[in-house]
Every structure is written in structure tokens, then in C-alpha cells.
């Protein structure tokens, strides 16, 4: 056990998770947005036509998540992560050949399969199964990759865009997933638990150190459905911003380079918040921390909705601090509430709700902007959705406490 939780091993597993998410999320969700303006100009599409790709990607990924989660529970995350990275590489190369909207929609539909196997759920389970102490810190480091992707990938993509154009830039970026797949193949070893999940939820599992909840029992709890609803609301809100931020900044008269750098700074703040919240969650109540972070996001959305250039940076800072911590904590809560032995199936259902919200947020934010002429109304909708999330978050409590109060 000491070896399993040695500092080097914990850090190594967490960093591998970070690297995977930098590439998988960065290349397909956050980092890809730096090419939006060039694609819109060259192919004469509207924002909503382009952003429908994100709806297809995220919603398809959401619908696949429960099935992929079940496969991860049975076979482990390593195989799916490697396959997902290989698919991402192939699709990025094909991106350089697009001519019609259906080309983009098909690529992002296939991206959905890749992200289901090489995304946050797989990384969350990979890390949680291999780390039994300081799990919150390890999860925070690993999931920071979703933000680090938004920092690193634009800094790779913008020089490629400026020097070679967006089509050639996609071909160069297609090499990155191949390198990460090789790292995972070499360094990640499979983990198998000897015992099945007990029907007794009042004692911690000896193998995982967690309260392990069976899949069917989890579905019957209010906590599970509250997490699903809050996850959908929060992911609508963040993906609405992330996938439209570059275009929003351009509308605020930011240059291409300045908008790209702002995107990177935004993700740096998110990254810091993810790392800090994972550490804080080891010492204070994660449920209180969760409510604070949703509230920070709501304040950030309100600043954007007011549509004032002066409020751009306050909005982004509030949004980033709230989202960074929330993203780590909601995943930490899933693991500490339900355990890891059924985490694929349980996390898959929750991921489906989050993905549906994310897809709608990415598409609807652009669509409402097209209809109204600015992003202001889009973010008034986000403010309302986050207020709903804050209200429902009060139902997210430790499951053992819930059971005891119902007896």
C-alpha cells in the first residue's frame, strides 16, 4: 500500500492524466476554437453553423458515456484511452481537408467516440483506482489537464496558424495524440479488484478506502440525480463560454493574438483553481466549496451579460475561479460519494447529463448571439441556468448521511 501511494507514483499517475486531457480536450474542444475565425472567413459559414459541431460532439459523447463507462468498469481505461487518442489524430488530419459543414459535423461525431474513451471520465477512474490516499490532490492535478489544454494548445496552434494557415496547422497538431498514446502504452499498468462491491454501504471498502455504492442503488438516491442536474447546468454554462470566448473577445475588439493569449490566461486561472481546490477538498467540506464555486460562475456570467468592455476581465476571473474549482470538486464528490468499483456506469450516466448540457451550451450560446447580434442575451440565459444549479446543489450531500436521516 505504501508503494501504491508513494509520492512519485501518485504524481506520475496524475501527470499522465493531465497530459492525456491536455491533448484530448485541448485539441478537440478548447484549443480548436482559435481556428474558428479563419474557418468562418474561408468557408463563409455563420457562427451557429460552425458551433453546431460542438453540439454534435458533446451530445454524442454524452449519449455514449454510459456505455463507455460500463466498458471501462469491465476492461479498464487504458485500452479506450489509447484507441481514443488514435482516433483524434486521424480526425485532426481530416480536419485539414474540410469543405462543407457536414464534413465538420461528421468529424466531431467521431470525436465523440474518442472523447468518451479518452476524456475526463476515463482519467478520473484511472487515477482514482490507482491512488487511495491524497485522492483529491491527485484528481485535481489530473483534471487540470482540461484547463492546461486551453493554455498550451492555443500557444501551439496560433504560431502554426499564422505561419502555415489553419489547414496545415491541423496536420501538425495530429501528431500530438500519437505521442501521448505511446506514453500511456508504456507507463500505465492495468488494475483489477479482487472483490465485488458489497451490498453494505455503511463500511468503507478495504481495497479502495471508499464507501462503494452499487450502480442500481446509486440510481435510487436523490444525490445522484441532483449531481446530474447541477452537472448539466454547469457544463452548459462553461462550454457556452469556452467555445465562444475567442469570438466574444474578437467582438470586444481584441486582436487575434490578444484573444488567443487571453484564452490562455483564462485557462491558467482555471488550472490554478483546479489544483488548489483539489488540495482544499482534503481539509474542508467539499459540498460547501462546491456551492461557493457555482456562485462565482454565476457572478462571472452576470458580468458578461452586462456587455461592458470594462467587465471582461472581472467576468473571466470570476468564471475561471468558479469553474476550475467546481470541475475538480464535482468529480471528487462523485468518487467520494459512490466509490470507484461502479464509477464507470455511475459516472457515465452523470457524464451523459453533463455532456448534454455542454453541447446545448456551446450551440445555443452561438445561436442566440446570431439571433440577437451580441453575446449579452446568451449569458443572461446562463445566469438563470446557474441560479437553478445553485438551488439544486443543496440536495448534494454525503450519501451515508442521507441514508441515516431516512431511517
Protein backbone atom coordinates (compact mmCIF):
# COMPACT_ATOMS: atom_id res chain seq x y z
CA UNK A 1 0.00 0.00 0.00
CA UNK A 2 2.85 2.35 0.77
CA UNK A 3 4.25 1.80 -2.68
CA UNK A 4 0.82 2.36 -4.23
CA UNK A 5 0.60 5.76 -2.58
CA UNK A 6 4.23 6.84 -2.81
CA UNK A 7 4.66 10.47 -3.79
CA UNK A 8 6.37 9.61 -7.07
CA UNK A 9 3.67 7.13 -8.11
CA UNK A 10 0.78 9.41 -7.17
CA UNK A 11 2.36 12.33 -9.02
CA UNK A 12 3.27 10.17 -12.01
CA UNK A 13 -0.25 8.80 -12.49
CA UNK A 14 -1.77 12.25 -12.02
CA UNK A 15 0.59 13.87 -14.54
CA UNK A 16 -0.13 11.20 -17.14
CA UNK A 17 -3.81 12.02 -16.71
CA UNK A 18 -3.01 15.70 -17.15
CA UNK A 19 -1.08 15.09 -20.36
CA UNK A 20 -3.89 12.97 -21.80
CA UNK A 21 -6.51 15.66 -21.14
CA UNK A 22 -4.26 18.44 -22.45
CA UNK A 23 -4.29 16.67 -25.80
CA UNK A 24 -7.77 15.12 -25.95
CA UNK A 25 -9.72 18.12 -24.62
CA UNK A 26 -7.34 20.79 -25.84
CA UNK A 27 -7.27 19.64 -29.45
CA UNK A 28 -10.99 18.88 -29.79
CA UNK A 29 -12.77 21.43 -27.57
CA UNK A 30 -10.93 24.45 -26.17
CA UNK A 31 -7.83 24.79 -28.35
CA UNK A 32 -9.65 24.18 -31.61
CA UNK A 33 -11.57 27.45 -31.22
CA UNK A 34 -8.55 29.54 -32.25
CA UNK A 35 -9.18 28.38 -35.83
CA UNK A 36 -12.83 29.46 -35.79
CA UNK A 37 -12.42 32.91 -37.31
CA UNK A 38 -10.18 31.62 -40.12
CA UNK A 39 -12.63 28.81 -40.92
CA UNK A 40 -15.62 31.17 -40.87
CA UNK A 41 -13.83 33.59 -43.19
CA UNK A 42 -12.61 30.97 -45.65
CA UNK A 43 -15.80 28.93 -45.83
CA UNK A 44 -18.36 31.74 -45.28
CA UNK A 45 -20.34 29.99 -42.52
CA UNK A 46 -22.31 31.54 -39.65
CA UNK A 47 -21.26 31.10 -36.02
CA UNK A 48 -24.22 28.86 -35.27
CA UNK A 49 -23.43 26.64 -38.28
CA UNK A 50 -19.89 26.14 -37.01
CA UNK A 51 -20.85 25.82 -33.34
CA UNK A 52 -23.34 23.09 -34.13
CA UNK A 53 -20.23 20.89 -34.42
CA UNK A 54 -19.73 21.24 -30.64
CA UNK A 55 -23.33 20.29 -30.01
CA UNK A 56 -22.86 17.13 -32.08
CA UNK A 57 -19.54 16.34 -30.41
CA UNK A 58 -20.61 16.87 -26.81
CA UNK A 59 -24.12 15.44 -27.02
CA UNK A 60 -22.97 12.35 -28.92
CA UNK A 61 -20.21 11.90 -26.35
CA UNK A 62 -22.81 12.25 -23.60
CA UNK A 63 -25.07 9.59 -25.10
CA UNK A 64 -22.12 7.23 -25.44
CA UNK A 65 -20.80 7.86 -21.90
CA UNK A 66 -22.97 5.30 -20.02
CA UNK A 67 -21.95 2.52 -22.43
CA UNK A 68 -18.31 3.54 -22.39
CA UNK A 69 -18.43 3.72 -18.60
CA UNK A 70 -19.65 0.13 -18.43
CA UNK A 71 -16.80 -0.95 -20.74
CA UNK A 72 -14.27 0.87 -18.53
CA UNK A 73 -15.65 -0.94 -15.45
CA UNK A 74 -15.17 -4.27 -17.21
CA UNK A 75 -11.94 -3.83 -19.18
CA UNK A 76 -10.19 -0.81 -17.63
CA UNK A 77 -9.47 2.64 -19.03
CA UNK A 78 -6.09 2.10 -20.72
CA UNK A 79 -7.32 0.46 -23.95
CA UNK A 80 -10.04 3.01 -24.54
CA UNK A 81 -7.71 5.93 -23.88
CA UNK A 82 -5.19 4.72 -26.45
CA UNK A 83 -7.86 4.00 -29.07
CA UNK A 84 -9.41 7.42 -28.43
CA UNK A 85 -6.09 9.19 -28.99
CA UNK A 86 -5.51 7.36 -32.27
CA UNK A 87 -8.97 8.39 -33.48
CA UNK A 88 -8.35 12.03 -32.51
CA UNK A 89 -5.12 12.03 -34.52
CA UNK A 90 -6.87 10.71 -37.62
CA UNK A 91 -9.74 13.19 -37.34
CA UNK A 92 -7.42 16.19 -36.90
CA UNK A 93 -5.69 15.27 -40.14
CA UNK A 94 -9.08 15.03 -41.90
CA UNK A 95 -10.00 18.46 -40.48
CA UNK A 96 -7.41 19.95 -42.83
CA UNK A 97 -9.48 18.69 -45.78
CA UNK A 98 -12.95 20.05 -44.84
CA UNK A 99 -15.03 21.93 -47.42
CA UNK A 100 -18.64 21.61 -46.23
CA UNK A 101 -20.37 21.80 -42.85
CA UNK A 102 -21.27 18.10 -42.96
CA UNK A 103 -17.54 17.29 -43.08
CA UNK A 104 -17.08 19.09 -39.75
CA UNK A 105 -20.20 17.51 -38.25
CA UNK A 106 -19.03 14.01 -39.19
CA UNK A 107 -15.55 14.62 -37.75
CA UNK A 108 -16.99 15.89 -34.47
CA UNK A 109 -19.39 12.96 -34.29
CA UNK A 110 -16.36 10.67 -34.49
CA UNK A 111 -14.55 12.90 -31.97
CA UNK A 112 -17.39 11.98 -29.60
CA UNK A 113 -16.31 8.34 -29.59
CA UNK A 114 -12.72 9.38 -28.94
CA UNK A 115 -13.60 11.74 -26.07
CA UNK A 116 -15.81 9.11 -24.46
CA UNK A 117 -12.81 6.81 -24.18
CA UNK A 118 -10.00 9.35 -23.73
CA UNK A 119 -11.71 12.07 -21.74
CA UNK A 120 -12.26 13.14 -18.16
CA UNK A 121 -14.29 10.08 -17.07
CA UNK A 122 -11.55 7.66 -18.12
CA UNK A 123 -8.87 9.79 -16.44
CA UNK A 124 -10.94 10.16 -13.25
CA UNK A 125 -11.31 6.38 -12.98
CA UNK A 126 -7.69 5.69 -13.96
CA UNK A 127 -6.40 7.95 -11.20
CA UNK A 128 -8.96 7.01 -8.53
CA UNK A 129 -8.25 3.30 -8.92
CA UNK A 130 -4.50 3.77 -8.57
CA UNK A 131 -4.45 6.29 -5.71
CA UNK A 132 -6.08 5.62 -2.34
CA UNK A 133 -4.53 8.43 -0.28
CA UNK A 134 -4.49 12.15 -1.19
CA UNK A 135 -7.01 11.22 -3.86
CA UNK A 136 -8.41 14.75 -4.04
CA UNK A 137 -4.98 16.20 -4.82
CA UNK A 138 -4.30 13.56 -7.49
CA UNK A 139 -7.71 14.12 -9.12
CA UNK A 140 -7.12 17.88 -9.07
CA UNK A 141 -3.75 17.52 -10.80
CA UNK A 142 -5.08 15.09 -13.41
CA UNK A 143 -8.24 17.02 -14.27
CA UNK A 144 -6.19 20.20 -14.53
CA UNK A 145 -5.30 18.87 -17.96
CA UNK A 146 -8.64 20.05 -19.33
CA UNK A 147 -7.57 23.60 -18.48
CA UNK A 148 -3.91 23.15 -19.34
CA UNK A 149 -5.07 22.16 -22.80
CA UNK A 150 -6.66 25.59 -23.15
CA UNK A 151 -3.34 27.18 -22.15
CA UNK A 152 -0.91 25.07 -24.13
CA UNK A 153 -2.76 24.14 -27.32
CA UNK A 154 -3.53 27.76 -28.38
CA UNK A 155 0.14 28.63 -27.91
CA UNK A 156 0.99 25.79 -30.28
CA UNK A 157 -1.86 26.45 -32.67
CA UNK A 158 -1.56 30.24 -33.11
CA UNK A 159 2.04 30.18 -34.48
CA UNK A 160 1.07 27.29 -36.76
CA UNK A 161 -2.00 29.24 -37.90
CA UNK A 162 -0.02 32.40 -38.58
CA UNK A 163 2.83 30.65 -40.37
CA UNK A 164 1.11 27.86 -42.29
CA UNK A 165 -2.64 28.53 -42.30
CA UNK A 166 -5.32 26.56 -40.48
CA UNK A 167 -5.33 23.51 -42.76
CA UNK A 168 -1.62 22.73 -42.34
CA UNK A 169 -1.83 23.60 -38.63
CA UNK A 170 -4.35 20.76 -38.15
CA UNK A 171 -1.96 18.32 -39.82
CA UNK A 172 0.87 19.24 -37.45
CA UNK A 173 -1.40 19.00 -34.40
CA UNK A 174 -2.45 15.49 -35.47
CA UNK A 175 0.98 14.25 -34.33
CA UNK A 176 0.43 15.10 -30.65
CA UNK A 177 -2.13 12.36 -29.80
CA UNK A 178 0.20 9.71 -31.23
CA UNK A 179 2.96 10.71 -28.81
CA UNK A 180 0.64 10.60 -25.80
CA UNK A 181 -0.77 7.21 -26.83
CA UNK A 182 2.79 5.87 -26.78
CA UNK A 183 3.36 7.25 -23.24
CA UNK A 184 0.20 5.59 -21.92
CA UNK A 185 1.06 2.29 -23.59
CA UNK A 186 4.44 2.24 -21.85
CA UNK A 187 3.68 3.58 -18.36
CA UNK A 188 0.06 2.71 -17.43
CA UNK A 189 -0.44 -0.78 -16.00
CA UNK A 190 -3.91 -2.40 -15.63
CA UNK A 191 -5.63 -2.60 -12.22
CA UNK A 192 -8.10 -5.34 -11.24
CA UNK A 193 -10.04 -5.51 -7.97
CA UNK A 194 -10.45 -8.95 -6.41
CA UNK A 195 -13.69 -8.25 -4.53
CA UNK A 196 -17.05 -7.11 -5.88
CA UNK A 197 -18.92 -4.15 -4.43
CA UNK A 198 -20.58 -5.13 -1.15
CA UNK A 199 -24.28 -4.52 -0.56
CA UNK A 200 -23.36 -2.98 2.81
CA UNK A 201 -22.74 0.76 2.27
CA UNK A 202 -22.06 1.58 5.92
CA UNK A 203 -18.41 0.49 5.86
CA UNK A 204 -15.51 1.61 3.72
CA UNK A 205 -14.21 -0.86 1.15
CA UNK A 206 -10.83 -2.30 2.16
CA UNK A 207 -9.41 -2.19 -1.38
CA UNK A 208 -10.41 1.37 -2.27
CA UNK A 209 -10.84 3.12 1.08
CA UNK A 210 -14.22 4.47 -0.11
CA UNK A 211 -17.90 3.85 0.52
CA UNK A 212 -18.68 1.72 -2.54
CA UNK A 213 -22.26 2.10 -3.82
CA UNK A 214 -23.72 -0.33 -6.35
CA UNK A 215 -24.97 1.12 -9.63
CA UNK A 216 -28.65 0.23 -9.11
CA UNK A 217 -28.61 1.59 -5.57
CA UNK A 218 -27.00 4.85 -6.72
CA UNK A 219 -29.83 5.42 -9.21
CA UNK A 220 -32.33 5.41 -6.35
CA UNK A 221 -30.70 8.27 -4.44
CA UNK A 222 -31.61 11.97 -4.63
CA UNK A 223 -27.92 12.83 -4.51
CA UNK A 224 -27.26 11.08 -7.81
CA UNK A 225 -29.98 12.97 -9.69
CA UNK A 226 -29.05 16.27 -8.07
CA UNK A 227 -25.48 15.82 -9.35
CA UNK A 228 -26.87 15.05 -12.83
CA UNK A 229 -28.99 18.24 -12.92
CA UNK A 230 -26.29 20.51 -11.49
CA UNK A 231 -23.72 18.98 -13.83
CA UNK A 232 -25.91 19.68 -16.87
CA UNK A 233 -26.45 23.30 -15.80
CA UNK A 234 -22.80 23.99 -15.03
CA UNK A 235 -21.48 22.35 -18.19
CA UNK A 236 -23.99 24.31 -20.29
CA UNK A 237 -22.58 27.45 -18.72
CA UNK A 238 -18.89 26.72 -19.09
CA UNK A 239 -18.98 25.25 -22.59
CA UNK A 240 -21.14 28.15 -23.71
CA UNK A 241 -18.26 30.40 -22.69
CA UNK A 242 -15.25 28.28 -23.66
CA UNK A 243 -16.40 27.50 -27.20
CA UNK A 244 -17.48 31.10 -27.87
CA UNK A 245 -14.84 33.00 -25.90
CA UNK A 246 -12.48 33.61 -28.82
CA UNK A 247 -15.30 35.06 -30.97
CA UNK A 248 -16.66 37.03 -28.00
CA UNK A 249 -13.24 38.62 -27.43
CA UNK A 250 -12.93 39.47 -31.11
CA UNK A 251 -16.28 41.25 -30.87
CA UNK A 252 -14.80 43.23 -27.97
CA UNK A 253 -12.04 44.41 -30.36
CA UNK A 254 -9.31 42.06 -29.12
CA UNK A 255 -6.75 41.22 -31.82
CA UNK A 256 -6.29 37.58 -32.88
CA UNK A 257 -3.07 37.26 -30.85
CA UNK A 258 -4.54 39.12 -27.86
CA UNK A 259 -7.68 36.97 -27.91
CA UNK A 260 -5.55 33.81 -28.08
CA UNK A 261 -3.38 34.99 -25.18
CA UNK A 262 -6.47 35.94 -23.16
CA UNK A 263 -7.81 32.44 -23.76
CA UNK A 264 -4.58 31.02 -22.39
CA UNK A 265 -4.63 33.29 -19.31
CA UNK A 266 -8.27 32.33 -18.70
CA UNK A 267 -7.28 28.66 -18.66
CA UNK A 268 -4.26 29.39 -16.44
CA UNK A 269 -6.62 30.77 -13.79
CA UNK A 270 -8.86 27.71 -14.18
CA UNK A 271 -5.81 25.49 -13.87
CA UNK A 272 -4.72 27.15 -10.63
CA UNK A 273 -8.24 26.89 -9.25
CA UNK A 274 -8.43 23.18 -10.07
CA UNK A 275 -5.13 22.43 -8.36
CA UNK A 276 -5.94 24.49 -5.26
CA UNK A 277 -9.48 23.14 -4.85
CA UNK A 278 -8.27 19.55 -5.05
CA UNK A 279 -5.92 20.27 -2.13
CA UNK A 280 -8.51 22.24 -0.15
CA UNK A 281 -11.01 19.39 -0.54
CA UNK A 282 -8.68 17.21 1.55
CA UNK A 283 -9.21 19.52 4.54
CA UNK A 284 -12.61 21.27 4.32
CA UNK A 285 -16.15 20.29 3.34
CA UNK A 286 -16.27 19.82 -0.42
CA UNK A 287 -20.03 20.40 -0.56
CA UNK A 288 -19.75 23.96 0.82
CA UNK A 289 -16.85 24.63 -1.54
CA UNK A 290 -18.98 23.42 -4.44
CA UNK A 291 -21.77 25.95 -3.73
CA UNK A 292 -19.28 28.82 -3.49
CA UNK A 293 -17.80 27.94 -6.87
CA UNK A 294 -21.16 27.78 -8.66
CA UNK A 295 -21.93 31.22 -7.22
CA UNK A 296 -18.64 32.62 -8.57
CA UNK A 297 -19.55 31.32 -12.03
CA UNK A 298 -22.96 33.00 -11.82
CA UNK A 299 -21.33 36.34 -10.95
CA UNK A 300 -18.94 35.97 -13.88
CA UNK A 301 -21.81 35.21 -16.28
CA UNK A 302 -23.65 38.28 -14.96
CA UNK A 303 -20.65 40.49 -15.78
CA UNK A 304 -20.57 39.18 -19.35
CA UNK A 305 -24.35 39.62 -19.70
CA UNK A 306 -23.98 43.32 -18.79
CA UNK A 307 -21.93 43.63 -22.02
CA UNK A 308 -19.37 46.18 -20.86
CA UNK A 309 -15.71 46.05 -22.04
CA UNK A 310 -14.67 47.14 -18.53
CA UNK A 311 -16.18 43.95 -17.09
CA UNK A 312 -14.46 41.49 -19.46
CA UNK A 313 -11.56 40.65 -17.14
CA UNK A 314 -13.59 40.60 -13.88
CA UNK A 315 -16.03 38.27 -15.65
CA UNK A 316 -13.32 35.91 -16.85
CA UNK A 317 -11.56 35.84 -13.47
CA UNK A 318 -14.77 35.04 -11.58
CA UNK A 319 -15.80 32.46 -14.15
CA UNK A 320 -12.37 30.82 -14.13
CA UNK A 321 -12.07 30.66 -10.33
CA UNK A 322 -15.56 29.22 -10.03
CA UNK A 323 -15.32 26.71 -12.85
CA UNK A 324 -11.82 25.49 -12.06
CA UNK A 325 -12.69 24.51 -8.53
CA UNK A 326 -16.14 23.25 -9.41
CA UNK A 327 -14.85 20.91 -12.11
CA UNK A 328 -12.47 19.21 -9.70
CA UNK A 329 -14.92 19.12 -6.82
CA UNK A 330 -17.91 17.70 -8.72
CA UNK A 331 -15.73 14.80 -9.88
CA UNK A 332 -14.25 14.39 -6.40
CA UNK A 333 -17.78 14.30 -4.94
CA UNK A 334 -18.80 11.59 -7.43
CA UNK A 335 -15.89 9.38 -6.31
CA UNK A 336 -16.22 10.02 -2.56
CA UNK A 337 -20.00 9.53 -2.72
CA UNK A 338 -20.27 6.41 -4.88
CA UNK A 339 -16.77 4.87 -4.92
CA UNK A 340 -14.77 3.57 -7.90
CA UNK A 341 -15.88 -0.03 -8.46
CA UNK A 342 -19.03 1.09 -10.31
CA UNK A 343 -17.65 4.51 -11.24
CA UNK A 344 -17.78 3.80 -14.96
CA UNK A 345 -21.52 3.15 -15.07
CA UNK A 346 -22.42 5.78 -12.44
CA UNK A 347 -20.04 8.38 -13.86
CA UNK A 348 -21.22 7.52 -17.37
CA UNK A 349 -24.83 8.48 -16.61
CA UNK A 350 -23.71 11.69 -14.90
CA UNK A 351 -21.37 12.41 -17.83
CA UNK A 352 -24.35 11.99 -20.18
CA UNK A 353 -26.19 14.80 -18.40
CA UNK A 354 -23.07 16.96 -18.32
CA UNK A 355 -22.43 16.33 -21.99
CA UNK A 356 -26.00 17.19 -23.00
CA UNK A 357 -25.71 20.44 -21.08
CA UNK A 358 -22.29 21.15 -22.59
CA UNK A 359 -23.47 20.53 -26.14
CA UNK A 360 -26.53 22.74 -25.73
CA UNK A 361 -24.42 25.48 -24.15
CA UNK A 362 -21.87 25.51 -26.97
CA UNK A 363 -24.52 25.63 -29.68
CA UNK A 364 -27.23 27.76 -28.06
CA UNK A 365 -24.78 30.46 -26.95
CA UNK A 366 -23.68 30.95 -30.55
CA UNK A 367 -27.24 30.64 -31.89
CA UNK A 368 -28.69 33.24 -29.50
CA UNK A 369 -25.78 35.55 -30.36
CA UNK A 370 -26.57 35.16 -34.07
CA UNK A 371 -30.23 35.99 -33.44
CA UNK A 372 -29.64 38.99 -31.14
CA UNK A 373 -26.41 40.42 -32.57
CA UNK A 374 -24.34 40.06 -29.37
CA UNK A 375 -23.49 37.61 -26.61
CA UNK A 376 -25.35 39.57 -23.91
CA UNK A 377 -28.66 37.68 -24.10
CA UNK A 378 -26.80 34.36 -24.33
CA UNK A 379 -25.28 35.00 -20.91
CA UNK A 380 -28.49 36.20 -19.30
CA UNK A 381 -29.71 32.69 -20.09
CA UNK A 382 -26.55 31.32 -18.46
CA UNK A 383 -27.19 33.39 -15.31
CA UNK A 384 -30.66 31.85 -14.97
CA UNK A 385 -29.32 28.33 -15.51
CA UNK A 386 -26.61 28.81 -12.87
CA UNK A 387 -29.18 30.07 -10.37
CA UNK A 388 -31.04 26.79 -10.91
CA UNK A 389 -27.76 24.93 -10.30
CA UNK A 390 -27.19 26.76 -7.01
CA UNK A 391 -30.67 25.82 -5.80
CA UNK A 392 -30.33 22.12 -6.70
CA UNK A 393 -26.81 21.91 -5.20
CA UNK A 394 -28.33 21.92 -1.70
CA UNK A 395 -29.52 18.36 -2.38
CA UNK A 396 -25.94 17.14 -2.91
CA UNK A 397 -24.94 15.64 0.44
CA UNK A 398 -22.88 12.68 1.67
CA UNK A 399 -24.91 9.59 0.84
CA UNK A 400 -24.36 7.93 4.21
CA UNK A 401 -25.90 10.94 5.96
CA UNK A 402 -28.85 10.79 3.58
CA UNK A 403 -29.42 7.13 4.38
CA UNK A 404 -29.23 7.75 8.12
CA UNK A 405 -31.80 10.57 8.00
CA UNK A 406 -34.21 8.38 6.00
CA UNK A 407 -34.11 5.55 8.58
